[in-house]
Amino acid sequence: MNRRGQQNVRWLTRMALLTAVAVVLGYIEHLIPMPGGIPGIKLGLANTVLLYAIYLLDAKSAFLLMILKVGLSGLMYGGVSAMMFSFGGGLCSLVMMLLVKKLGGEGVSILGVSVVGAVFHNAGQTAVAALVVNTAALMGYVPFLLVAAVVTGVLTGIAAKYAIQGLKASGMENVSMPDKNSKPEPEPEHSQEEPK
């Protein structure tokens, strides 16, 4: 197999594993009851996979992972409405995490990126829910969702930070989405940005 074929196989394998991990973490999270009984509060365990993609892969791979996780989770245990809410939250979250990481540079840690992702995930889900049920009354949940997002974002960020450090130490290098027009990448030298 040539070098490009090997890169394609490595990328597909990594994406399949990450998708499976995201779906399983989402399912585990689905089973954990959250205190307070406020709809929409979750731990955000699957967000660790998106943080991994943001820091060690590329934006295209992160978007694909988000779409696959939302679609598969919705088909397996969420339903169509859960897919809509998750897609709205996931899209807002991922766009904002990518922007904050890019614009904030070294000044924003992985914890900060994670908190921004959690906040905008809740905001996106609430906005979609308000549109679907055609009521602004859902905005009353926003303060509670924001507080929960900060707490869960910090926890997810800590988990992602140590997971990424461990994976990098074990030799898990960058495997970006293959591009038909690009030349095969040289062997990686593990020079990816270290999460703070």
N, C-alpha and C. Protein backbone atom coordinates (compact mmCIF):
# COMPACT_ATOMS: atom_id res chain seq x y z
N MET A 1 0.85 -1.17 0.00
CA MET A 1 0.00 0.00 0.00
C MET A 1 0.90 1.24 0.00
N ASN A 2 0.55 2.22 -0.82
CA ASN A 2 1.37 3.43 -0.88
C ASN A 2 1.11 4.31 0.35
N ARG A 3 1.90 5.36 0.45
CA ARG A 3 1.85 6.25 1.63
C ARG A 3 0.48 6.93 1.77
N ARG A 4 -0.10 7.38 0.66
CA ARG A 4 -1.42 8.03 0.72
C ARG A 4 -2.48 7.02 1.19
N GLY A 5 -2.40 5.80 0.69
CA GLY A 5 -3.34 4.78 1.13
C GLY A 5 -3.21 4.49 2.62
N GLN A 6 -1.99 4.47 3.12
CA GLN A 6 -1.77 4.25 4.55
C GLN A 6 -2.35 5.40 5.37
N GLN A 7 -2.18 6.63 4.89
CA GLN A 7 -2.74 7.78 5.60
C GLN A 7 -4.27 7.70 5.62
N ASN A 8 -4.87 7.31 4.50
CA ASN A 8 -6.33 7.18 4.44
C ASN A 8 -6.82 6.13 5.44
N VAL A 9 -6.14 5.00 5.48
CA VAL A 9 -6.54 3.93 6.40
C VAL A 9 -6.38 4.38 7.85
N ARG A 10 -5.27 5.04 8.15
CA ARG A 10 -5.04 5.53 9.52
C ARG A 10 -6.12 6.55 9.91
N TRP A 11 -6.43 7.46 8.99
CA TRP A 11 -7.44 8.47 9.28
C TRP A 11 -8.81 7.83 9.49
N LEU A 12 -9.21 6.93 8.58
CA LEU A 12 -10.52 6.26 8.71
C LEU A 12 -10.60 5.45 10.00
N THR A 13 -9.52 4.76 10.33
CA THR A 13 -9.51 3.97 11.56
C THR A 13 -9.65 4.86 12.78
N ARG A 14 -8.89 5.94 12.79
CA ARG A 14 -8.97 6.86 13.93
C ARG A 14 -10.36 7.46 14.03
N MET A 15 -10.95 7.87 12.91
CA MET A 15 -12.28 8.47 12.94
C MET A 15 -13.33 7.46 13.41
N ALA A 16 -13.21 6.22 12.98
CA ALA A 16 -14.15 5.19 13.43
C ALA A 16 -14.04 4.98 14.93
N LEU A 17 -12.82 4.91 15.45
CA LEU A 17 -12.63 4.73 16.89
C LEU A 17 -13.15 5.93 17.68
N LEU A 18 -12.84 7.12 17.21
CA LEU A 18 -13.30 8.32 17.91
C LEU A 18 -14.82 8.44 17.88
N THR A 19 -15.42 8.08 16.76
CA THR A 19 -16.89 8.11 16.67
C THR A 19 -17.49 7.12 17.65
N ALA A 20 -16.93 5.93 17.72
CA ALA A 20 -17.42 4.92 18.66
C ALA A 20 -17.27 5.40 20.10
N VAL A 21 -16.14 5.99 20.42
CA VAL A 21 -15.93 6.50 21.78
C VAL A 21 -16.94 7.60 22.10
N ALA A 22 -17.16 8.52 21.16
CA ALA A 22 -18.12 9.60 21.38
C ALA A 22 -19.53 9.07 21.60
N VAL A 23 -19.93 8.09 20.80
CA VAL A 23 -21.28 7.52 20.94
C VAL A 23 -21.43 6.79 22.27
N VAL A 24 -20.41 6.01 22.66
CA VAL A 24 -20.47 5.29 23.94
C VAL A 24 -20.49 6.27 25.11
N LEU A 25 -19.63 7.30 25.06
CA LEU A 25 -19.65 8.30 26.13
C LEU A 25 -20.99 9.03 26.20
N GLY A 26 -21.56 9.32 25.04
CA GLY A 26 -22.88 9.95 25.01
C GLY A 26 -23.94 9.05 25.62
N TYR A 27 -23.85 7.75 25.36
CA TYR A 27 -24.81 6.80 25.92
C TYR A 27 -24.66 6.71 27.44
N ILE A 28 -23.41 6.63 27.91
CA ILE A 28 -23.17 6.59 29.35
C ILE A 28 -23.73 7.85 30.01
N GLU A 29 -23.47 8.98 29.39
CA GLU A 29 -23.97 10.25 29.90
C GLU A 29 -25.51 10.27 29.93
N HIS A 30 -26.10 9.66 28.92
CA HIS A 30 -27.56 9.57 28.81
C HIS A 30 -28.15 8.80 30.00
N LEU A 31 -27.39 7.86 30.55
CA LEU A 31 -27.87 7.02 31.66
C LEU A 31 -27.68 7.67 33.03
N ILE A 32 -26.84 8.70 33.10
CA ILE A 32 -26.53 9.32 34.39
C ILE A 32 -27.55 10.42 34.68
N PRO A 33 -28.34 10.26 35.76
CA PRO A 33 -29.30 11.32 36.08
C PRO A 33 -28.57 12.53 36.65
N MET A 34 -28.95 13.71 36.19
CA MET A 34 -28.33 14.93 36.69
C MET A 34 -29.23 15.55 37.76
N PRO A 35 -28.62 16.09 38.81
CA PRO A 35 -29.43 16.69 39.87
C PRO A 35 -30.13 17.96 39.40
N GLY A 36 -31.23 18.25 40.04
CA GLY A 36 -31.96 19.49 39.75
C GLY A 36 -33.12 19.32 38.80
N GLY A 37 -33.12 18.28 37.99
CA GLY A 37 -34.23 18.02 37.08
C GLY A 37 -34.40 19.04 35.97
N ILE A 38 -33.36 19.81 35.68
CA ILE A 38 -33.45 20.80 34.60
C ILE A 38 -33.09 20.13 33.29
N PRO A 39 -33.99 20.17 32.30
CA PRO A 39 -33.69 19.53 31.02
C PRO A 39 -32.49 20.18 30.34
N GLY A 40 -31.67 19.35 29.72
CA GLY A 40 -30.54 19.86 28.95
C GLY A 40 -29.22 19.83 29.67
N ILE A 41 -29.22 19.60 31.00
CA ILE A 41 -27.94 19.55 31.72
C ILE A 41 -27.36 18.15 31.59
N LYS A 42 -26.15 18.09 31.03
CA LYS A 42 -25.42 16.83 30.89
C LYS A 42 -23.96 17.08 31.20
N LEU A 43 -23.23 16.02 31.44
CA LEU A 43 -21.81 16.14 31.74
C LEU A 43 -20.98 16.58 30.54
N GLY A 44 -21.39 16.22 29.35
CA GLY A 44 -20.61 16.58 28.16
C GLY A 44 -19.41 15.69 27.94
N LEU A 45 -19.52 14.43 28.34
CA LEU A 45 -18.38 13.50 28.23
C LEU A 45 -17.89 13.36 26.79
N ALA A 46 -18.82 13.33 25.84
CA ALA A 46 -18.43 13.16 24.44
C ALA A 46 -17.66 14.37 23.91
N ASN A 47 -17.74 15.49 24.62
CA ASN A 47 -17.01 16.68 24.21
C ASN A 47 -15.50 16.46 24.31
N THR A 48 -15.06 15.52 25.13
CA THR A 48 -13.62 15.22 25.20
C THR A 48 -13.10 14.75 23.84
N VAL A 49 -13.95 14.04 23.11
CA VAL A 49 -13.55 13.56 21.78
C VAL A 49 -13.42 14.74 20.81
N LEU A 50 -14.35 15.68 20.89
CA LEU A 50 -14.23 16.86 20.02
C LEU A 50 -13.02 17.71 20.39
N LEU A 51 -12.73 17.82 21.67
CA LEU A 51 -11.53 18.55 22.08
C LEU A 51 -10.27 17.86 21.54
N TYR A 52 -10.27 16.53 21.59
CA TYR A 52 -9.15 15.78 21.00
C TYR A 52 -9.00 16.14 19.52
N ALA A 53 -10.12 16.14 18.81
CA ALA A 53 -10.08 16.45 17.37
C ALA A 53 -9.60 17.88 17.12
N ILE A 54 -10.06 18.81 17.94
CA ILE A 54 -9.66 20.21 17.78
C ILE A 54 -8.16 20.38 18.00
N TYR A 55 -7.62 19.70 19.00
CA TYR A 55 -6.22 19.88 19.35
C TYR A 55 -5.26 18.97 18.59
N LEU A 56 -5.70 17.81 18.16
CA LEU A 56 -4.77 16.87 17.52
C LEU A 56 -5.10 16.52 16.08
N LEU A 57 -6.28 16.85 15.61
CA LEU A 57 -6.63 16.56 14.23
C LEU A 57 -6.81 17.88 13.49
N ASP A 58 -7.96 18.06 12.87
CA ASP A 58 -8.23 19.31 12.15
C ASP A 58 -9.71 19.63 12.24
N ALA A 59 -10.07 20.83 11.77
CA ALA A 59 -11.46 21.29 11.89
C ALA A 59 -12.42 20.39 11.11
N LYS A 60 -12.03 19.95 9.91
CA LYS A 60 -12.92 19.09 9.12
C LYS A 60 -13.21 17.79 9.85
N SER A 61 -12.19 17.21 10.45
CA SER A 61 -12.39 15.96 11.20
C SER A 61 -13.28 16.20 12.41
N ALA A 62 -13.11 17.33 13.09
CA ALA A 62 -13.94 17.65 14.25
C ALA A 62 -15.41 17.80 13.83
N PHE A 63 -15.66 18.50 12.71
CA PHE A 63 -17.04 18.65 12.24
C PHE A 63 -17.64 17.29 11.87
N LEU A 64 -16.86 16.47 11.19
CA LEU A 64 -17.36 15.15 10.82
C LEU A 64 -17.68 14.32 12.07
N LEU A 65 -16.81 14.37 13.06
CA LEU A 65 -17.06 13.63 14.31
C LEU A 65 -18.35 14.11 14.98
N MET A 66 -18.55 15.41 15.02
CA MET A 66 -19.76 15.95 15.64
C MET A 66 -21.01 15.45 14.91
N ILE A 67 -20.98 15.50 13.58
CA ILE A 67 -22.13 15.06 12.79
C ILE A 67 -22.38 13.57 12.98
N LEU A 68 -21.33 12.77 12.96
CA LEU A 68 -21.48 11.32 13.15
C LEU A 68 -22.01 11.00 14.54
N LYS A 69 -21.50 11.67 15.55
CA LYS A 69 -21.95 11.42 16.92
C LYS A 69 -23.42 11.79 17.08
N VAL A 70 -23.81 12.95 16.57
CA VAL A 70 -25.20 13.39 16.67
C VAL A 70 -26.12 12.42 15.93
N GLY A 71 -25.75 12.06 14.70
CA GLY A 71 -26.59 11.17 13.90
C GLY A 71 -26.73 9.79 14.50
N LEU A 72 -25.60 9.18 14.87
CA LEU A 72 -25.64 7.82 15.41
C LEU A 72 -26.32 7.78 16.78
N SER A 73 -26.03 8.76 17.62
CA SER A 73 -26.67 8.80 18.94
C SER A 73 -28.18 8.98 18.79
N GLY A 74 -28.58 9.85 17.89
CA GLY A 74 -30.01 10.06 17.66
C GLY A 74 -30.70 8.81 17.17
N LEU A 75 -30.06 8.10 16.26
CA LEU A 75 -30.64 6.85 15.74
C LEU A 75 -30.69 5.76 16.80
N MET A 76 -29.68 5.70 17.66
CA MET A 76 -29.58 4.60 18.62
C MET A 76 -30.42 4.80 19.87
N TYR A 77 -30.41 6.03 20.41
CA TYR A 77 -31.12 6.20 21.68
C TYR A 77 -31.73 7.57 21.89
N GLY A 78 -31.68 8.46 20.91
CA GLY A 78 -32.17 9.81 21.16
C GLY A 78 -33.45 10.18 20.44
N GLY A 79 -33.58 9.78 19.20
CA GLY A 79 -34.74 10.18 18.42
C GLY A 79 -34.47 11.44 17.62
N VAL A 80 -35.44 11.80 16.78
CA VAL A 80 -35.28 12.92 15.85
C VAL A 80 -35.16 14.25 16.59
N SER A 81 -36.00 14.47 17.60
CA SER A 81 -35.93 15.76 18.31
C SER A 81 -34.59 15.90 19.03
N ALA A 82 -34.09 14.82 19.62
CA ALA A 82 -32.78 14.87 20.28
C ALA A 82 -31.68 15.17 19.26
N MET A 83 -31.82 14.63 18.04
CA MET A 83 -30.84 14.93 16.98
C MET A 83 -30.85 16.41 16.64
N MET A 84 -32.04 16.99 16.53
CA MET A 84 -32.13 18.43 16.20
C MET A 84 -31.47 19.27 17.29
N PHE A 85 -31.82 18.99 18.55
CA PHE A 85 -31.25 19.76 19.64
C PHE A 85 -29.73 19.57 19.72
N SER A 86 -29.30 18.32 19.59
CA SER A 86 -27.86 18.02 19.66
C SER A 86 -27.10 18.65 18.51
N PHE A 87 -27.69 18.64 17.33
CA PHE A 87 -27.00 19.25 16.19
C PHE A 87 -26.86 20.76 16.38
N GLY A 88 -27.94 21.41 16.83
CA GLY A 88 -27.88 22.85 17.08
C GLY A 88 -26.84 23.19 18.13
N GLY A 89 -26.85 22.44 19.23
CA GLY A 89 -25.87 22.67 20.28
C GLY A 89 -24.46 22.32 19.84
N GLY A 90 -24.33 21.19 19.14
CA GLY A 90 -23.00 20.75 18.69
C GLY A 90 -22.38 21.71 17.70
N LEU A 91 -23.19 22.22 16.78
CA LEU A 91 -22.67 23.15 15.78
C LEU A 91 -22.21 24.45 16.43
N CYS A 92 -23.06 25.02 17.30
CA CYS A 92 -22.67 26.26 18.01
C CYS A 92 -21.41 26.03 18.83
N SER A 93 -21.40 24.93 19.55
CA SER A 93 -20.27 24.61 20.42
C SER A 93 -18.97 24.47 19.64
N LEU A 94 -19.01 23.69 18.57
CA LEU A 94 -17.79 23.42 17.81
C LEU A 94 -17.27 24.67 17.12
N VAL A 95 -18.16 25.45 16.53
CA VAL A 95 -17.73 26.70 15.86
C VAL A 95 -17.06 27.62 16.88
N MET A 96 -17.67 27.77 18.04
CA MET A 96 -17.11 28.68 19.04
C MET A 96 -15.80 28.14 19.63
N MET A 97 -15.69 26.84 19.84
CA MET A 97 -14.44 26.28 20.35
C MET A 97 -13.30 26.50 19.35
N LEU A 98 -13.59 26.28 18.07
CA LEU A 98 -12.57 26.50 17.05
C LEU A 98 -12.16 27.98 16.99
N LEU A 99 -13.14 28.87 17.06
CA LEU A 99 -12.84 30.31 17.04
C LEU A 99 -12.02 30.74 18.25
N VAL A 100 -12.43 30.30 19.43
CA VAL A 100 -11.71 30.69 20.65
C VAL A 100 -10.29 30.14 20.63
N LYS A 101 -10.12 28.91 20.19
CA LYS A 101 -8.77 28.33 20.13
C LYS A 101 -7.91 29.10 19.14
N LYS A 102 -8.49 29.43 17.99
CA LYS A 102 -7.72 30.13 16.96
C LYS A 102 -7.41 31.57 17.36
N LEU A 103 -8.44 32.30 17.80
CA LEU A 103 -8.25 33.71 18.13
C LEU A 103 -7.54 33.92 19.47
N GLY A 104 -7.77 33.02 20.41
CA GLY A 104 -7.15 33.15 21.73
C GLY A 104 -5.71 32.70 21.76
N GLY A 105 -5.33 31.82 20.84
CA GLY A 105 -3.96 31.34 20.78
C GLY A 105 -3.50 30.73 22.09
N GLU A 106 -2.30 31.08 22.48
CA GLU A 106 -1.70 30.55 23.71
C GLU A 106 -2.38 31.08 24.97
N GLY A 107 -3.15 32.16 24.82
CA GLY A 107 -3.78 32.78 25.98
C GLY A 107 -5.01 32.04 26.49
N VAL A 108 -5.49 31.06 25.74
CA VAL A 108 -6.68 30.32 26.15
C VAL A 108 -6.31 28.85 26.31
N SER A 109 -6.55 28.31 27.49
CA SER A 109 -6.22 26.91 27.75
C SER A 109 -7.32 26.00 27.22
N ILE A 110 -7.05 24.71 27.25
CA ILE A 110 -8.05 23.73 26.82
C ILE A 110 -9.27 23.79 27.74
N LEU A 111 -9.07 24.15 29.01
CA LEU A 111 -10.21 24.31 29.91
C LEU A 111 -11.10 25.46 29.46
N GLY A 112 -10.49 26.56 29.05
CA GLY A 112 -11.27 27.70 28.55
C GLY A 112 -12.04 27.34 27.30
N VAL A 113 -11.38 26.62 26.39
CA VAL A 113 -12.05 26.19 25.15
C VAL A 113 -13.21 25.26 25.48
N SER A 114 -13.01 24.38 26.45
CA SER A 114 -14.05 23.44 26.85
C SER A 114 -15.25 24.16 27.47
N VAL A 115 -14.98 25.14 28.33
CA VAL A 115 -16.08 25.89 28.96
C VAL A 115 -16.87 26.65 27.91
N VAL A 116 -16.18 27.28 26.96
CA VAL A 116 -16.88 27.99 25.88
C VAL A 116 -17.74 27.01 25.09
N GLY A 117 -17.21 25.82 24.81
CA GLY A 117 -17.98 24.80 24.10
C GLY A 117 -19.22 24.39 24.86
N ALA A 118 -19.08 24.19 26.17
CA ALA A 118 -20.24 23.78 26.99
C ALA A 118 -21.30 24.87 27.03
N VAL A 119 -20.86 26.12 27.21
CA VAL A 119 -21.81 27.24 27.26
C VAL A 119 -22.58 27.36 25.95
N PHE A 120 -21.85 27.30 24.83
CA PHE A 120 -22.52 27.48 23.54
C PHE A 120 -23.30 26.24 23.11
N HIS A 121 -22.95 25.08 23.63
CA HIS A 121 -23.77 23.90 23.37
C HIS A 121 -25.14 24.08 24.01
N ASN A 122 -25.14 24.51 25.27
CA ASN A 122 -26.42 24.75 25.95
C ASN A 122 -27.20 25.88 25.29
N ALA A 123 -26.50 26.92 24.88
CA ALA A 123 -27.18 28.04 24.21
C ALA A 123 -27.80 27.59 22.89
N GLY A 124 -27.06 26.81 22.12
CA GLY A 124 -27.57 26.31 20.83
C GLY A 124 -28.76 25.39 21.01
N GLN A 125 -28.68 24.48 21.98
CA GLN A 125 -29.81 23.58 22.23
C GLN A 125 -31.04 24.36 22.68
N THR A 126 -30.84 25.35 23.55
CA THR A 126 -31.97 26.13 24.04
C THR A 126 -32.61 26.93 22.91
N ALA A 127 -31.78 27.48 22.04
CA ALA A 127 -32.31 28.24 20.90
C ALA A 127 -33.13 27.35 19.98
N VAL A 128 -32.63 26.15 19.69
CA VAL A 128 -33.37 25.22 18.83
C VAL A 128 -34.68 24.82 19.52
N ALA A 129 -34.61 24.52 20.82
CA ALA A 129 -35.82 24.14 21.56
C ALA A 129 -36.85 25.27 21.54
N ALA A 130 -36.40 26.50 21.73
CA ALA A 130 -37.32 27.65 21.72
C ALA A 130 -37.98 27.81 20.35
N LEU A 131 -37.22 27.55 19.29
CA LEU A 131 -37.79 27.62 17.94
C LEU A 131 -38.79 26.50 17.69
N VAL A 132 -38.45 25.30 18.15
CA VAL A 132 -39.32 24.14 17.90
C VAL A 132 -40.64 24.27 18.65
N VAL A 133 -40.58 24.64 19.92
CA VAL A 133 -41.82 24.74 20.70
C VAL A 133 -42.44 26.13 20.62
N ASN A 134 -41.77 27.04 19.93
CA ASN A 134 -42.28 28.38 19.65
C ASN A 134 -42.63 29.14 20.92
N THR A 135 -41.71 29.10 21.89
CA THR A 135 -41.91 29.86 23.12
C THR A 135 -40.58 30.37 23.65
N ALA A 136 -40.61 31.56 24.16
CA ALA A 136 -39.40 32.15 24.76
C ALA A 136 -39.29 31.77 26.23
N ALA A 137 -40.30 31.08 26.78
CA ALA A 137 -40.28 30.72 28.20
C ALA A 137 -39.09 29.83 28.54
N LEU A 138 -38.59 29.11 27.55
CA LEU A 138 -37.42 28.25 27.79
C LEU A 138 -36.19 29.05 28.16
N MET A 139 -36.17 30.32 27.83
CA MET A 139 -35.02 31.16 28.16
C MET A 139 -34.84 31.31 29.67
N GLY A 140 -35.88 30.98 30.43
CA GLY A 140 -35.77 31.00 31.89
C GLY A 140 -34.78 29.97 32.41
N TYR A 141 -34.54 28.94 31.63
CA TYR A 141 -33.56 27.90 32.00
C TYR A 141 -32.11 28.35 31.79
N VAL A 142 -31.92 29.37 30.97
CA VAL A 142 -30.58 29.75 30.54
C VAL A 142 -29.61 30.01 31.71
N PRO A 143 -29.98 30.76 32.74
CA PRO A 143 -29.02 30.98 33.83
C PRO A 143 -28.54 29.66 34.48
N PHE A 144 -29.46 28.73 34.68
CA PHE A 144 -29.10 27.44 35.28
C PHE A 144 -28.21 26.64 34.34
N LEU A 145 -28.56 26.68 33.05
CA LEU A 145 -27.76 25.96 32.05
C LEU A 145 -26.36 26.54 31.94
N LEU A 146 -26.22 27.85 32.06
CA LEU A 146 -24.90 28.47 31.96
C LEU A 146 -24.02 28.10 33.14
N VAL A 147 -24.59 28.10 34.34
CA VAL A 147 -23.81 27.69 35.51
C VAL A 147 -23.38 26.23 35.37
N ALA A 148 -24.30 25.39 34.97
CA ALA A 148 -23.98 23.97 34.77
C ALA A 148 -22.92 23.80 33.68
N ALA A 149 -23.00 24.61 32.63
CA ALA A 149 -22.04 24.53 31.53
C ALA A 149 -20.63 24.86 31.99
N VAL A 150 -20.50 25.85 32.84
CA VAL A 150 -19.17 26.21 33.34
C VAL A 150 -18.58 25.05 34.14
N VAL A 151 -19.39 24.47 35.03
CA VAL A 151 -18.91 23.36 35.86
C VAL A 151 -18.56 22.15 35.00
N THR A 152 -19.47 21.75 34.13
CA THR A 152 -19.20 20.56 33.31
C THR A 152 -18.10 20.83 32.28
N GLY A 153 -18.02 22.07 31.79
CA GLY A 153 -16.95 22.42 30.85
C GLY A 153 -15.58 22.30 31.48
N VAL A 154 -15.46 22.73 32.74
CA VAL A 154 -14.17 22.59 33.45
C VAL A 154 -13.83 21.11 33.62
N LEU A 155 -14.80 20.31 34.07
CA LEU A 155 -14.55 18.88 34.28
C LEU A 155 -14.15 18.19 32.97
N THR A 156 -14.88 18.48 31.90
CA THR A 156 -14.57 17.90 30.59
C THR A 156 -13.21 18.37 30.10
N GLY A 157 -12.91 19.64 30.31
CA GLY A 157 -11.62 20.18 29.90
C GLY A 157 -10.46 19.51 30.61
N ILE A 158 -10.62 19.26 31.91
CA ILE A 158 -9.57 18.57 32.68
C ILE A 158 -9.38 17.16 32.14
N ALA A 159 -10.49 16.46 31.92
CA ALA A 159 -10.40 15.10 31.38
C ALA A 159 -9.72 15.10 30.01
N ALA A 160 -10.10 16.04 29.15
CA ALA A 160 -9.52 16.10 27.80
C ALA A 160 -8.04 16.44 27.86
N LYS A 161 -7.67 17.36 28.74
CA LYS A 161 -6.27 17.76 28.86
C LYS A 161 -5.39 16.55 29.17
N TYR A 162 -5.78 15.79 30.18
CA TYR A 162 -4.95 14.64 30.56
C TYR A 162 -5.04 13.51 29.55
N ALA A 163 -6.19 13.34 28.92
CA ALA A 163 -6.31 12.31 27.88
C ALA A 163 -5.40 12.64 26.70
N ILE A 164 -5.41 13.91 26.28
CA ILE A 164 -4.58 14.32 25.14
C ILE A 164 -3.10 14.19 25.49
N GLN A 165 -2.72 14.62 26.69
CA GLN A 165 -1.32 14.48 27.09
C GLN A 165 -0.89 13.02 27.09
N GLY A 166 -1.76 12.14 27.60
CA GLY A 166 -1.44 10.71 27.62
C GLY A 166 -1.35 10.12 26.23
N LEU A 167 -2.27 10.51 25.35
CA LEU A 167 -2.24 9.99 23.98
C LEU A 167 -1.01 10.48 23.23
N LYS A 168 -0.65 11.74 23.44
CA LYS A 168 0.54 12.26 22.77
C LYS A 168 1.80 11.57 23.29
N ALA A 169 1.85 11.33 24.58
CA ALA A 169 3.02 10.65 25.16
C ALA A 169 3.14 9.22 24.63
N SER A 170 2.01 8.62 24.25
CA SER A 170 2.05 7.25 23.74
C SER A 170 2.28 7.19 22.24
N GLY A 171 2.43 8.36 21.59
CA GLY A 171 2.74 8.38 20.17
C GLY A 171 1.55 8.58 19.26
N MET A 172 0.44 9.05 19.78
CA MET A 172 -0.73 9.31 18.94
C MET A 172 -0.54 10.66 18.26
N GLU A 173 -0.15 10.63 17.00
CA GLU A 173 0.14 11.87 16.29
C GLU A 173 -1.05 12.37 15.49
N ASN A 174 -0.85 13.49 14.87
CA ASN A 174 -1.87 14.14 14.05
C ASN A 174 -2.14 13.31 12.81
N VAL A 175 -3.40 13.03 12.58
CA VAL A 175 -3.82 12.34 11.36
C VAL A 175 -4.98 13.15 10.78
N SER A 176 -4.66 14.07 9.89
CA SER A 176 -5.67 14.96 9.34
C SER A 176 -6.48 14.27 8.25
N MET A 177 -7.63 14.87 7.94
CA MET A 177 -8.50 14.36 6.90
C MET A 177 -7.75 14.34 5.57
N PRO A 178 -7.75 13.20 4.86
CA PRO A 178 -7.05 13.13 3.57
C PRO A 178 -7.66 14.09 2.56
N ASP A 179 -6.83 14.69 1.73
CA ASP A 179 -7.25 15.60 0.69
C ASP A 179 -6.72 15.04 -0.63
N LYS A 180 -7.59 14.89 -1.61
CA LYS A 180 -7.20 14.29 -2.89
C LYS A 180 -6.08 15.06 -3.57
N ASN A 181 -6.03 16.37 -3.38
CA ASN A 181 -5.07 17.21 -4.09
C ASN A 181 -3.77 17.43 -3.33
N SER A 182 -3.70 16.98 -2.09
CA SER A 182 -2.50 17.25 -1.31
C SER A 182 -1.49 16.12 -1.46
N LYS A 183 -0.26 16.47 -1.19
CA LYS A 183 0.81 15.47 -1.20
C LYS A 183 0.74 14.70 0.11
N PRO A 184 1.21 13.45 0.12
CA PRO A 184 1.23 12.71 1.38
C PRO A 184 2.05 13.47 2.42
N GLU A 185 1.57 13.43 3.66
CA GLU A 185 2.26 14.13 4.74
C GLU A 185 3.53 13.39 5.11
N PRO A 186 4.58 14.14 5.49
CA PRO A 186 5.77 13.47 6.00
C PRO A 186 5.45 12.86 7.36
N GLU A 187 6.31 11.98 7.81
CA GLU A 187 6.10 11.37 9.12
C GLU A 187 6.01 12.46 10.18
N PRO A 188 5.01 12.42 11.07
CA PRO A 188 4.85 13.45 12.08
C PRO A 188 5.98 13.40 13.10
N GLU A 189 6.25 14.57 13.69
CA GLU A 189 7.30 14.67 14.69
C GLU A 189 6.73 15.02 16.05
N HIS A 190 5.44 14.79 16.27
CA HIS A 190 4.78 15.06 17.55
C HIS A 190 4.97 16.50 18.00
N SER A 191 4.80 17.44 17.07
CA SER A 191 5.00 18.84 17.42
C SER A 191 3.67 19.57 17.60
N GLN A 192 2.61 18.83 17.81
CA GLN A 192 1.32 19.46 18.00
C GLN A 192 1.30 20.29 19.27
N GLU A 193 0.41 21.26 19.30
CA GLU A 193 0.30 22.15 20.44
C GLU A 193 -0.06 21.36 21.68
N GLU A 194 0.63 21.64 22.76
CA GLU A 194 0.38 20.99 24.05
C GLU A 194 -0.77 21.69 24.75
N PRO A 195 -1.83 20.97 25.13
CA PRO A 195 -2.92 21.62 25.85
C PRO A 195 -2.44 22.14 27.20
N LYS A 196 -2.95 23.33 27.57
CA LYS A 196 -2.56 23.93 28.86
C LYS A 196 -3.56 23.56 29.92
